[in-house]
Amino acid sequence: MAANANDKSVQFLYGTKFGRVLLHAILALRVPALLGLVLRSPFSRFYIKSFIKKNGIDMTGFEGVKFKSFNDFFTRKKEISFDSEVTHLISPADSLLSVYEITENATFHIKGFDYTLEDFFEAERFGMSKEETTELFKGGLCLVFRLCATDYHRYCYVDNGSQNGNHFIQGSLYSVQPLAAENFRLYTKNRRSWTIMTTEHFGKIAQIEVGAFSVGGIQNRIEEGSFKKGEEKGYFDLHGSTIVLLLQKDSVKICEEIKKITDTGAEYRVKIGERVATKHI
C-alpha cells in the first residue's frame, strides 16, 4: 500500500520561509528536549486516551494497563510475529518503506539530495576505515523505514547474526516526514546510531537508527554479541523516527509488489516482521 503525507505543522515549518526560520529557533531553544521531558512526566498520561482515539491505535493486549506517562505508553512492548523463512529479509519495524539504489560511487539520491555512505558513517570519528564501512555497500540497496508517530516504536533484528558495537552521532531532531526530507539532509543531520551486522543469510548489513523531532532516545538492547531474527533490537523514545538498512550488492531481491510502488517514488506500508525481500540466488 502506498502512502505519502505531511501533517499541517510540517507543511508550515518546512514548506514556508517563515516556518523554516521558526523551526531553527525551536531547535536552538531545545524545544524538542523540553517536549520530551513533558511527555515523560506523569502529567502526560491525560494525553494518551485522546491520542489512541484520534489515531485508531489497536490496543489489544493492553486492556486495563495503567501507563505512567505518554512515553510509557509510546514505548509499550508487545509480542510480535515474523516471517521465519531463512531466505526472507523482514522489516525491522512498522513503517513506510522507500527503496534506493546505491551507486558504485557509494552515493544514493533521496528526496532531492545526494547522500554518500561516508556521510552516514563518519567512520574516521570511530577509528574505522572506508573498507570497514563505505566499501561494503557500493552497488547495493538503501532501505528507508519511516516510522510515523502512531506506529509501534520497537524494532527487531532482520536475520540471525552478530554485531560489534553501536556508534552514536549526536545531531539535530528534524521531523522525518516527506516535506522535511525535501528541505534538509535529514539522514546525515539528525541524531543517529549505527552498527554493521554480520548476518547468517544476507551478508553484511548496516542498520542506522535515526532520531526525529522530540525523539530524544535511541535505545539499543545490546552493544555487541549475537542475535536471532525477530528478537528486539531496541526502541525509540517518542514520535516519528527512521531506520535505514544498507545492503550489499546482489544480496537480496525486493518483493515485486513493494518494488512496483517504491520505483514510483512512493512509500510502501510494512509491518514489523513482514517479508520485504528474498535472498538473491
C-alpha atoms as a PDB file:
ATOM      1  CA  MET A   1       0.000   0.000   0.000  1.00  0.00           C
ATOM      2  CA  ALA A   2       1.419   3.376  -0.985  1.00  0.00           C
ATOM      3  CA  ALA A   3       1.458   6.339   1.415  1.00  0.00           C
ATOM      4  CA  ASN A   4       2.956   9.820   1.332  1.00  0.00           C
ATOM      5  CA  ALA A   5       1.694  12.658   3.521  1.00  0.00           C
ATOM      6  CA  ASN A   6       2.779  15.528   5.755  1.00  0.00           C
ATOM      7  CA  ASP A   7       0.824  16.916   8.683  1.00  0.00           C
ATOM      8  CA  LYS A   8      -0.132  20.624   8.770  1.00  0.00           C
ATOM      9  CA  SER A   9       2.585  21.674  11.206  1.00  0.00           C
ATOM     10  CA  VAL A  10       5.272  20.116   8.985  1.00  0.00           C
ATOM     11  CA  GLN A  11       3.823  21.857   5.920  1.00  0.00           C
ATOM     12  CA  PHE A  12       4.201  25.181   7.749  1.00  0.00           C
ATOM     13  CA  LEU A  13       7.593  24.646   9.404  1.00  0.00           C
ATOM     14  CA  TYR A  14       9.333  23.059   6.416  1.00  0.00           C
ATOM     15  CA  GLY A  15       7.307  24.406   3.486  1.00  0.00           C
ATOM     16  CA  THR A  16       7.350  28.160   4.196  1.00  0.00           C
ATOM     17  CA  LYS A  17      10.175  30.662   4.624  1.00  0.00           C
ATOM     18  CA  PHE A  18       8.878  31.971   7.945  1.00  0.00           C
ATOM     19  CA  GLY A  19       8.232  28.433   9.136  1.00  0.00           C
ATOM     20  CA  ARG A  20      11.835  27.418   8.496  1.00  0.00           C
ATOM     21  CA  VAL A  21      13.096  30.428  10.458  1.00  0.00           C
ATOM     22  CA  LEU A  22      10.805  29.439  13.328  1.00  0.00           C
ATOM     23  CA  LEU A  23      11.963  25.817  13.074  1.00  0.00           C
ATOM     24  CA  HIS A  24      15.605  26.778  13.577  1.00  0.00           C
ATOM     25  CA  ALA A  25      14.603  28.869  16.587  1.00  0.00           C
ATOM     26  CA  ILE A  26      12.682  25.922  18.022  1.00  0.00           C
ATOM     27  CA  LEU A  27      15.705  23.645  17.658  1.00  0.00           C
ATOM     28  CA  ALA A  28      18.096  26.270  19.040  1.00  0.00           C
ATOM     29  CA  LEU A  29      15.905  26.697  22.122  1.00  0.00           C
ATOM     30  CA  ARG A  30      15.881  22.909  22.601  1.00  0.00           C
ATOM     31  CA  VAL A  31      12.092  22.744  22.403  1.00  0.00           C
ATOM     32  CA  PRO A  32      12.161  19.060  21.332  1.00  0.00           C
ATOM     33  CA  ALA A  33      14.088  18.193  24.501  1.00  0.00           C
ATOM     34  CA  LEU A  34      11.649  20.175  26.654  1.00  0.00           C
ATOM     35  CA  LEU A  35       8.699  18.499  24.944  1.00  0.00           C
ATOM     36  CA  GLY A  36      10.318  15.160  25.652  1.00  0.00           C
ATOM     37  CA  LEU A  37      10.519  15.986  29.367  1.00  0.00           C
ATOM     38  CA  VAL A  38       6.814  16.830  29.426  1.00  0.00           C
ATOM     39  CA  LEU A  39       5.820  13.635  27.617  1.00  0.00           C
ATOM     40  CA  ARG A  40       7.871  11.563  30.058  1.00  0.00           C
ATOM     41  CA  SER A  41       6.161  13.175  33.053  1.00  0.00           C
ATOM     42  CA  PRO A  42       3.049  11.796  34.843  1.00  0.00           C
ATOM     43  CA  PHE A  43       1.067  14.835  33.625  1.00  0.00           C
ATOM     44  CA  SER A  44       1.205  13.474  30.061  1.00  0.00           C
ATOM     45  CA  ARG A  45      -0.989  10.475  30.993  1.00  0.00           C
ATOM     46  CA  PHE A  46      -4.062  12.548  30.158  1.00  0.00           C
ATOM     47  CA  TYR A  47      -2.968  12.786  26.501  1.00  0.00           C
ATOM     48  CA  ILE A  48      -2.912   9.007  25.966  1.00  0.00           C
ATOM     49  CA  LYS A  49      -6.644   8.322  25.631  1.00  0.00           C
ATOM     50  CA  SER A  50      -7.256  11.061  23.062  1.00  0.00           C
ATOM     51  CA  PHE A  51      -4.142  10.053  21.087  1.00  0.00           C
ATOM     52  CA  ILE A  52      -5.364   6.450  20.863  1.00  0.00           C
ATOM     53  CA  LYS A  53      -8.854   7.521  19.804  1.00  0.00           C
ATOM     54  CA  LYS A  54      -7.687  10.100  17.259  1.00  0.00           C
ATOM     55  CA  ASN A  55      -5.291   7.697  15.544  1.00  0.00           C
ATOM     56  CA  GLY A  56      -7.312   4.477  15.855  1.00  0.00           C
ATOM     57  CA  ILE A  57      -4.490   2.584  17.568  1.00  0.00           C
ATOM     58  CA  ASP A  58      -5.117  -1.095  18.257  1.00  0.00           C
ATOM     59  CA  MET A  59      -4.594  -1.648  21.992  1.00  0.00           C
ATOM     60  CA  THR A  60      -5.357  -5.373  22.008  1.00  0.00           C
ATOM     61  CA  GLY A  61      -3.406  -6.978  24.826  1.00  0.00           C
ATOM     62  CA  PHE A  62      -3.133  -3.735  26.792  1.00  0.00           C
ATOM     63  CA  GLU A  63      -6.669  -3.611  28.164  1.00  0.00           C
ATOM     64  CA  GLY A  64      -6.632  -2.222  31.696  1.00  0.00           C
ATOM     65  CA  VAL A  65      -2.925  -1.318  31.624  1.00  0.00           C
ATOM     66  CA  LYS A  66      -2.146   1.865  33.584  1.00  0.00           C
ATOM     67  CA  PHE A  67       0.620   3.767  31.809  1.00  0.00           C
ATOM     68  CA  LYS A  68       2.808   6.064  33.941  1.00  0.00           C
ATOM     69  CA  SER A  69       3.290   8.647  31.163  1.00  0.00           C
ATOM     70  CA  PHE A  70       2.755   9.176  27.448  1.00  0.00           C
ATOM     71  CA  ASN A  71       6.269   7.856  26.837  1.00  0.00           C
ATOM     72  CA  ASP A  72       5.466   4.747  28.885  1.00  0.00           C
ATOM     73  CA  PHE A  73       2.507   4.173  26.551  1.00  0.00           C
ATOM     74  CA  PHE A  74       4.538   5.069  23.452  1.00  0.00           C
ATOM     75  CA  THR A  75       7.332   2.573  24.203  1.00  0.00           C
ATOM     76  CA  ARG A  76       4.969  -0.237  25.273  1.00  0.00           C
ATOM     77  CA  LYS A  77       6.208  -3.719  24.396  1.00  0.00           C
ATOM     78  CA  LYS A  78       4.116  -6.370  22.680  1.00  0.00           C
ATOM     79  CA  GLU A  79       4.628  -9.860  21.300  1.00  0.00           C
ATOM     80  CA  ILE A  80       5.375  -9.798  17.573  1.00  0.00           C
ATOM     81  CA  SER A  81       5.160 -12.443  14.875  1.00  0.00           C
ATOM     82  CA  PHE A  82       7.627 -12.592  11.992  1.00  0.00           C
ATOM     83  CA  ASP A  83       8.339 -14.485   8.774  1.00  0.00           C
ATOM     84  CA  SER A  84      10.789 -17.182   9.867  1.00  0.00           C
ATOM     85  CA  GLU A  85      11.712 -18.419   6.370  1.00  0.00           C
ATOM     86  CA  VAL A  86      15.516 -18.116   6.324  1.00  0.00           C
ATOM     87  CA  THR A  87      15.650 -16.728   2.766  1.00  0.00           C
ATOM     88  CA  HIS A  88      13.248 -13.882   3.610  1.00  0.00           C
ATOM     89  CA  LEU A  89      14.523 -10.488   4.784  1.00  0.00           C
ATOM     90  CA  ILE A  90      11.976  -8.946   7.153  1.00  0.00           C
ATOM     91  CA  SER A  91      11.018  -5.390   8.031  1.00  0.00           C
ATOM     92  CA  PRO A  92      12.606  -4.251  11.315  1.00  0.00           C
ATOM     93  CA  ALA A  93       9.566  -2.096  12.206  1.00  0.00           C
ATOM     94  CA  ASP A  94       6.035  -0.934  11.476  1.00  0.00           C
ATOM     95  CA  SER A  95       6.784   1.809   8.966  1.00  0.00           C
ATOM     96  CA  LEU A  96       6.605   3.321   5.495  1.00  0.00           C
ATOM     97  CA  LEU A  97       9.303   1.839   3.260  1.00  0.00           C
ATOM     98  CA  SER A  98      11.303   3.534   0.482  1.00  0.00           C
ATOM     99  CA  VAL A  99      13.994   1.773  -1.586  1.00  0.00           C
ATOM    100  CA  TYR A 100      17.025   3.423  -3.219  1.00  0.00           C
ATOM    101  CA  GLU A 101      19.933   2.068  -5.238  1.00  0.00           C
ATOM    102  CA  ILE A 102      23.481   2.800  -4.063  1.00  0.00           C
ATOM    103  CA  THR A 103      25.813   3.559  -6.974  1.00  0.00           C
ATOM    104  CA  GLU A 104      29.286   2.128  -7.453  1.00  0.00           C
ATOM    105  CA  ASN A 105      30.493   5.575  -6.326  1.00  0.00           C
ATOM    106  CA  ALA A 106      28.791   4.940  -2.969  1.00  0.00           C
ATOM    107  CA  THR A 107      26.110   7.612  -3.412  1.00  0.00           C
ATOM    108  CA  PHE A 108      22.296   7.490  -3.498  1.00  0.00           C
ATOM    109  CA  HIS A 109      19.552  10.037  -4.069  1.00  0.00           C
ATOM    110  CA  ILE A 110      16.758  10.696  -1.529  1.00  0.00           C
ATOM    111  CA  LYS A 111      14.121  13.438  -1.910  1.00  0.00           C
ATOM    112  CA  GLY A 112      16.284  15.809  -3.951  1.00  0.00           C
ATOM    113  CA  PHE A 113      19.577  15.245  -2.097  1.00  0.00           C
ATOM    114  CA  ASP A 114      22.586  13.125  -2.957  1.00  0.00           C
ATOM    115  CA  TYR A 115      23.941  11.232   0.043  1.00  0.00           C
ATOM    116  CA  THR A 116      27.208   9.361   0.369  1.00  0.00           C
ATOM    117  CA  LEU A 117      27.931   6.374   2.561  1.00  0.00           C
ATOM    118  CA  GLU A 118      30.691   8.407   4.186  1.00  0.00           C
ATOM    119  CA  ASP A 119      28.016  10.908   5.290  1.00  0.00           C
ATOM    120  CA  PHE A 120      26.167   8.155   7.117  1.00  0.00           C
ATOM    121  CA  PHE A 121      29.063   6.554   8.929  1.00  0.00           C
ATOM    122  CA  GLU A 122      31.585   9.338   9.681  1.00  0.00           C
ATOM    123  CA  ALA A 123      33.887   6.355  10.035  1.00  0.00           C
ATOM    124  CA  GLU A 124      37.073   8.249  10.912  1.00  0.00           C
ATOM    125  CA  ARG A 125      35.398   9.562  14.071  1.00  0.00           C
ATOM    126  CA  PHE A 126      35.197   5.977  15.315  1.00  0.00           C
ATOM    127  CA  GLY A 127      38.643   4.918  14.168  1.00  0.00           C
ATOM    128  CA  MET A 128      37.278   2.850  11.284  1.00  0.00           C
ATOM    129  CA  SER A 129      38.309   2.748   7.631  1.00  0.00           C
ATOM    130  CA  LYS A 130      36.279   3.062   4.444  1.00  0.00           C
ATOM    131  CA  GLU A 131      36.953  -0.627   3.812  1.00  0.00           C
ATOM    132  CA  GLU A 132      35.158  -1.442   7.067  1.00  0.00           C
ATOM    133  CA  THR A 133      32.174   0.744   6.204  1.00  0.00           C
ATOM    134  CA  THR A 134      31.667   2.515   2.867  1.00  0.00           C
ATOM    135  CA  GLU A 135      33.294  -0.060   0.582  1.00  0.00           C
ATOM    136  CA  LEU A 136      30.987  -2.821   1.807  1.00  0.00           C
ATOM    137  CA  PHE A 137      27.803  -1.365   0.341  1.00  0.00           C
ATOM    138  CA  LYS A 138      28.778   0.041  -3.070  1.00  0.00           C
ATOM    139  CA  GLY A 139      26.249  -1.030  -5.693  1.00  0.00           C
ATOM    140  CA  GLY A 140      23.844  -2.266  -3.017  1.00  0.00           C
ATOM    141  CA  LEU A 141      20.489  -1.048  -1.735  1.00  0.00           C
ATOM    142  CA  CYS A 142      19.363   1.546   0.813  1.00  0.00           C
ATOM    143  CA  LEU A 143      16.056   0.733   2.523  1.00  0.00           C
ATOM    144  CA  VAL A 144      14.471   3.597   4.468  1.00  0.00           C
ATOM    145  CA  PHE A 145      11.794   2.615   7.017  1.00  0.00           C
ATOM    146  CA  ARG A 146       9.999   5.791   8.192  1.00  0.00           C
ATOM    147  CA  LEU A 147       8.036   5.337  11.410  1.00  0.00           C
ATOM    148  CA  CYS A 148       5.024   7.560  11.995  1.00  0.00           C
ATOM    149  CA  ALA A 149       4.001   8.788  15.436  1.00  0.00           C
ATOM    150  CA  THR A 150       1.225   6.174  15.528  1.00  0.00           C
ATOM    151  CA  ASP A 151       3.495   3.194  14.732  1.00  0.00           C
ATOM    152  CA  TYR A 152       4.830   0.651  17.217  1.00  0.00           C
ATOM    153  CA  HIS A 153       8.260   2.089  18.072  1.00  0.00           C
ATOM    154  CA  ARG A 154      10.217  -1.013  18.955  1.00  0.00           C
ATOM    155  CA  TYR A 155      12.287  -2.676  16.228  1.00  0.00           C
ATOM    156  CA  CYS A 156      13.691  -6.145  15.636  1.00  0.00           C
ATOM    157  CA  TYR A 157      16.631  -7.903  14.007  1.00  0.00           C
ATOM    158  CA  VAL A 158      16.089  -8.859  10.360  1.00  0.00           C
ATOM    159  CA  ASP A 159      18.166 -12.077  10.447  1.00  0.00           C
ATOM    160  CA  ASN A 160      20.364 -14.201  12.709  1.00  0.00           C
ATOM    161  CA  GLY A 161      23.841 -12.788  13.178  1.00  0.00           C
ATOM    162  CA  SER A 162      26.232 -10.755  15.303  1.00  0.00           C
ATOM    163  CA  GLN A 163      27.350  -7.137  15.754  1.00  0.00           C
ATOM    164  CA  ASN A 164      30.434  -5.388  17.102  1.00  0.00           C
ATOM    165  CA  GLY A 165      29.041  -2.256  18.731  1.00  0.00           C
ATOM    166  CA  ASN A 166      26.765   0.750  18.228  1.00  0.00           C
ATOM    167  CA  HIS A 167      28.168   4.097  17.063  1.00  0.00           C
ATOM    168  CA  PHE A 168      26.235   7.159  18.236  1.00  0.00           C
ATOM    169  CA  ILE A 169      26.309  10.506  16.395  1.00  0.00           C
ATOM    170  CA  GLN A 170      24.801  13.492  18.192  1.00  0.00           C
ATOM    171  CA  GLY A 171      22.729  15.594  15.798  1.00  0.00           C
ATOM    172  CA  SER A 172      19.583  17.652  15.305  1.00  0.00           C
ATOM    173  CA  LEU A 173      15.986  16.497  15.675  1.00  0.00           C
ATOM    174  CA  TYR A 174      14.267  17.476  12.443  1.00  0.00           C
ATOM    175  CA  SER A 175      10.976  15.817  11.501  1.00  0.00           C
ATOM    176  CA  VAL A 176      11.322  12.818   9.150  1.00  0.00           C
ATOM    177  CA  GLN A 177       8.113  13.477   7.211  1.00  0.00           C
ATOM    178  CA  PRO A 178       8.476  13.716   3.385  1.00  0.00           C
ATOM    179  CA  LEU A 179       8.445  17.527   3.120  1.00  0.00           C
ATOM    180  CA  ALA A 180      11.180  17.796   5.734  1.00  0.00           C
ATOM    181  CA  ALA A 181      13.324  15.341   3.755  1.00  0.00           C
ATOM    182  CA  GLU A 182      12.897  17.552   0.686  1.00  0.00           C
ATOM    183  CA  ASN A 183      14.295  20.607   2.512  1.00  0.00           C
ATOM    184  CA  PHE A 184      17.024  19.205   4.766  1.00  0.00           C
ATOM    185  CA  ARG A 185      19.647  16.460   4.534  1.00  0.00           C
ATOM    186  CA  LEU A 186      17.878  14.661   7.359  1.00  0.00           C
ATOM    187  CA  TYR A 187      19.675  11.351   7.303  1.00  0.00           C
ATOM    188  CA  THR A 188      23.068  12.922   7.938  1.00  0.00           C
ATOM    189  CA  LYS A 189      21.919  15.885  10.059  1.00  0.00           C
ATOM    190  CA  ASN A 190      19.744  14.045  12.578  1.00  0.00           C
ATOM    191  CA  ARG A 191      20.808  12.178  15.692  1.00  0.00           C
ATOM    192  CA  ARG A 192      21.599   8.584  14.793  1.00  0.00           C
ATOM    193  CA  SER A 193      23.152   5.313  15.905  1.00  0.00           C
ATOM    194  CA  TRP A 194      24.621   2.752  13.536  1.00  0.00           C
ATOM    195  CA  THR A 195      26.040  -0.728  13.615  1.00  0.00           C
ATOM    196  CA  ILE A 196      27.272  -3.153  10.962  1.00  0.00           C
ATOM    197  CA  MET A 197      25.820  -6.617  11.402  1.00  0.00           C
ATOM    198  CA  THR A 198      27.245  -9.854  10.056  1.00  0.00           C
ATOM    199  CA  THR A 199      24.126 -11.824   9.161  1.00  0.00           C
ATOM    200  CA  GLU A 200      23.680 -15.534   8.515  1.00  0.00           C
ATOM    201  CA  HIS A 201      21.856 -15.258   5.186  1.00  0.00           C
ATOM    202  CA  PHE A 202      22.339 -11.730   3.746  1.00  0.00           C
ATOM    203  CA  GLY A 203      25.987 -10.859   4.298  1.00  0.00           C
ATOM    204  CA  LYS A 204      26.896  -7.568   5.959  1.00  0.00           C
ATOM    205  CA  ILE A 205      24.014  -5.218   6.784  1.00  0.00           C
ATOM    206  CA  ALA A 206      24.388  -1.721   8.201  1.00  0.00           C
ATOM    207  CA  GLN A 207      21.486  -0.568  10.359  1.00  0.00           C
ATOM    208  CA  ILE A 208      21.139   3.122  11.187  1.00  0.00           C
ATOM    209  CA  GLU A 209      18.510   4.318  13.668  1.00  0.00           C
ATOM    210  CA  VAL A 210      17.697   7.984  13.029  1.00  0.00           C
ATOM    211  CA  GLY A 211      16.020  10.167  15.653  1.00  0.00           C
ATOM    212  CA  ALA A 212      13.428  12.821  14.803  1.00  0.00           C
ATOM    213  CA  PHE A 213      11.524  15.739  16.330  1.00  0.00           C
ATOM    214  CA  SER A 214      11.095  15.148  20.102  1.00  0.00           C
ATOM    215  CA  VAL A 215      12.683  11.682  19.834  1.00  0.00           C
ATOM    216  CA  GLY A 216      15.382  12.075  22.455  1.00  0.00           C
ATOM    217  CA  GLY A 217      16.361   8.455  22.833  1.00  0.00           C
ATOM    218  CA  ILE A 218      17.584   5.628  20.620  1.00  0.00           C
ATOM    219  CA  GLN A 219      17.762   2.667  22.974  1.00  0.00           C
ATOM    220  CA  ASN A 220      19.518  -0.449  21.690  1.00  0.00           C
ATOM    221  CA  ARG A 221      19.379  -3.688  23.674  1.00  0.00           C
ATOM    222  CA  ILE A 222      22.996  -4.844  23.208  1.00  0.00           C
ATOM    223  CA  GLU A 223      26.292  -3.259  22.226  1.00  0.00           C
ATOM    224  CA  GLU A 224      27.869  -6.370  20.760  1.00  0.00           C
ATOM    225  CA  GLY A 225      27.289 -10.102  20.503  1.00  0.00           C
ATOM    226  CA  SER A 226      24.969 -12.468  18.684  1.00  0.00           C
ATOM    227  CA  PHE A 227      21.237 -12.137  17.997  1.00  0.00           C
ATOM    228  CA  LYS A 228      18.335 -14.033  16.436  1.00  0.00           C
ATOM    229  CA  LYS A 229      15.917 -12.995  13.714  1.00  0.00           C
ATOM    230  CA  GLY A 230      12.802 -11.367  15.181  1.00  0.00           C
ATOM    231  CA  GLU A 231      14.444 -10.542  18.525  1.00  0.00           C
ATOM    232  CA  GLU A 232      14.022  -6.977  19.732  1.00  0.00           C
ATOM    233  CA  LYS A 233      16.990  -4.813  18.765  1.00  0.00           C
ATOM    234  CA  GLY A 234      15.790  -1.668  20.504  1.00  0.00           C
ATOM    235  CA  TYR A 235      13.245   1.138  20.608  1.00  0.00           C
ATOM    236  CA  PHE A 236      12.736   4.874  20.028  1.00  0.00           C
ATOM    237  CA  ASP A 237      11.512   7.324  22.657  1.00  0.00           C
ATOM    238  CA  LEU A 238       8.630   9.494  21.397  1.00  0.00           C
ATOM    239  CA  HIS A 239       7.095  10.300  17.996  1.00  0.00           C
ATOM    240  CA  GLY A 240       8.330   9.651  14.446  1.00  0.00           C
ATOM    241  CA  SER A 241      11.732   8.276  13.567  1.00  0.00           C
ATOM    242  CA  THR A 242      13.508   6.226  10.879  1.00  0.00           C
ATOM    243  CA  ILE A 243      15.535   3.057  10.383  1.00  0.00           C
ATOM    244  CA  VAL A 244      17.900   2.767   7.412  1.00  0.00           C
ATOM    245  CA  LEU A 245      19.239  -0.594   6.220  1.00  0.00           C
ATOM    246  CA  LEU A 246      22.201  -0.698   3.851  1.00  0.00           C
ATOM    247  CA  LEU A 247      22.508  -3.980   1.959  1.00  0.00           C
ATOM    248  CA  GLN A 248      25.405  -5.351  -0.048  1.00  0.00           C
ATOM    249  CA  LYS A 249      25.290  -5.703  -3.815  1.00  0.00           C
ATOM    250  CA  ASP A 250      23.237  -8.675  -5.066  1.00  0.00           C
ATOM    251  CA  SER A 251      22.364  -9.816  -1.541  1.00  0.00           C
ATOM    252  CA  VAL A 252      18.560  -9.548  -1.888  1.00  0.00           C
ATOM    253  CA  LYS A 253      15.725  -9.124  -4.357  1.00  0.00           C
ATOM    254  CA  ILE A 254      12.975  -6.701  -3.248  1.00  0.00           C
ATOM    255  CA  CYS A 255       9.430  -8.140  -3.303  1.00  0.00           C
ATOM    256  CA  GLU A 256       7.742  -7.305  -6.615  1.00  0.00           C
ATOM    257  CA  GLU A 257       4.722  -5.590  -5.047  1.00  0.00           C
ATOM    258  CA  ILE A 258       6.988  -3.351  -2.967  1.00  0.00           C
ATOM    259  CA  LYS A 259       9.317  -2.623  -5.896  1.00  0.00           C
ATOM    260  CA  LYS A 260       6.387  -1.636  -8.113  1.00  0.00           C
ATOM    261  CA  ILE A 261       5.316   1.067  -5.627  1.00  0.00           C
ATOM    262  CA  THR A 262       8.710   2.300  -4.442  1.00  0.00           C
ATOM    263  CA  ASP A 263      10.031   2.597  -8.027  1.00  0.00           C
ATOM    264  CA  THR A 264       7.500   5.428  -8.475  1.00  0.00           C
ATOM    265  CA  GLY A 265       8.995   7.306  -5.507  1.00  0.00           C
ATOM    266  CA  ALA A 266       6.090   6.449  -3.195  1.00  0.00           C
ATOM    267  CA  GLU A 267       6.351   4.745   0.204  1.00  0.00           C
ATOM    268  CA  TYR A 268       5.005   1.263   0.932  1.00  0.00           C
ATOM    269  CA  ARG A 269       3.369   0.421   4.282  1.00  0.00           C
ATOM    270  CA  VAL A 270       5.016  -2.566   6.016  1.00  0.00           C
ATOM    271  CA  LYS A 271       4.589  -4.276   9.377  1.00  0.00           C
ATOM    272  CA  ILE A 272       7.323  -5.428  11.736  1.00  0.00           C
ATOM    273  CA  GLY A 273       8.417  -8.961  10.821  1.00  0.00           C
ATOM    274  CA  GLU A 274       6.884  -8.859   7.331  1.00  0.00           C
ATOM    275  CA  ARG A 275       8.928 -10.076   4.344  1.00  0.00           C
ATOM    276  CA  VAL A 276      10.297  -7.213   2.242  1.00  0.00           C
ATOM    277  CA  ALA A 277      12.933  -9.049   0.198  1.00  0.00           C
ATOM    278  CA  THR A 278      14.255 -12.512  -0.675  1.00  0.00           C
ATOM    279  CA  LYS A 279      17.840 -13.740  -0.663  1.00  0.00           C
ATOM    280  CA  HIS A 280      19.426 -13.254  -4.085  1.00  0.00           C
ATOM    281  CA  ILE A 281      20.320 -16.565  -5.703  1.00  0.00           C
END
